[in-house]
Amino acid sequence: MSKNVVVLDYGSGNLRSAERALARTGAQVTVTADYDTALNAEGLVVPGVGAFAACMAGLKGVRGDEIVGRRLAGGRPVLGICVGMQVLFARGVEHGVETEGCGEWPGTVERLEAPVLPHMGWNTVKVPDGSVLFAGIEEERFYFVHSYGVREWELVPGDGFGQPLVTWAEHGVPFVAAVENGPLMAAQFHPEKSGDAGAALLKNWAGTL
C-alpha cells in the first residue's frame, strides 16, 4: 500500500518537482499548507529555496514550525530539502542579520567561504557508516544550489534521538550535506534534481515511513 506524503506548501520551494520525484517512489503525494493534513501524513517533506529569513517567515505563516515539532514529538518522519534543511537549525545569518530557525538542531547557517558562490552543480558527499538515506548510493554525486550552509555540527552525543549520522560535502570549506536523526532527516542538495541517485535517496527515505 502506498504511503501518504505531504509536501508542505508555505510559499517556497520546488513544490512540483519535489511532488513528481516523490510520486515516482510510489508514494501518494499531496502538496498543501493544511495543518491537519501535514500533521497526520505518514511522511512530511519541507522544501525551500531562497533566503533563510523569508523561508522562516513563510513556514511560521502556515505554522510549519509547529507541525514539524509536533510530528517529531510523535516520532513521525520529516525530510527537509535545501533551505528546508537549513531552517531546522537554531539560526541563520545572512548579510549580518540573524534569524531564529526551528531549533531542532543547534547550529548556524552561514555563508560559505569559497572562491565561487553559489555552489551550483554536482558534488560528491562523505557518507557515514550505517546511513539509511544513502544506502547503495554512497559514491554518487548530488546536485547543489546554495551559498549558505552549516559549517560546524554542534549537537553533542546524548541529545535528542541519540547521535545523528552527518554526511559532509566540501565547497571551499566543509559543510553539512545531510543529516539522519531518527524521524528527522534532511539534505542540503536537491534530491529531485539529482537524477537516479536522488531518486534512490527519496526511495530510501520513503522506505522508512
Foldseek 3Di string as FASTA:
>chain_A
DAFEEEEEPLPFAPVVLVQVLLVVLVHDYHYYLALVSQLPGQEYEYEHDDDLQVSQVSCVVSPVLVSVVNCVVVLRAYEYEASRVVLCEQWEADPNDIDGGSHVFYFYKYFADAPDPDPFAKFAKQWDPPDLLCVPPNGPIFTAHGGIFTQDHDDDAPPDQGDWTFMWTDHNGIGTQKIDRRRYIYGNTDLSPGPPSSSSSSSSNSVVD
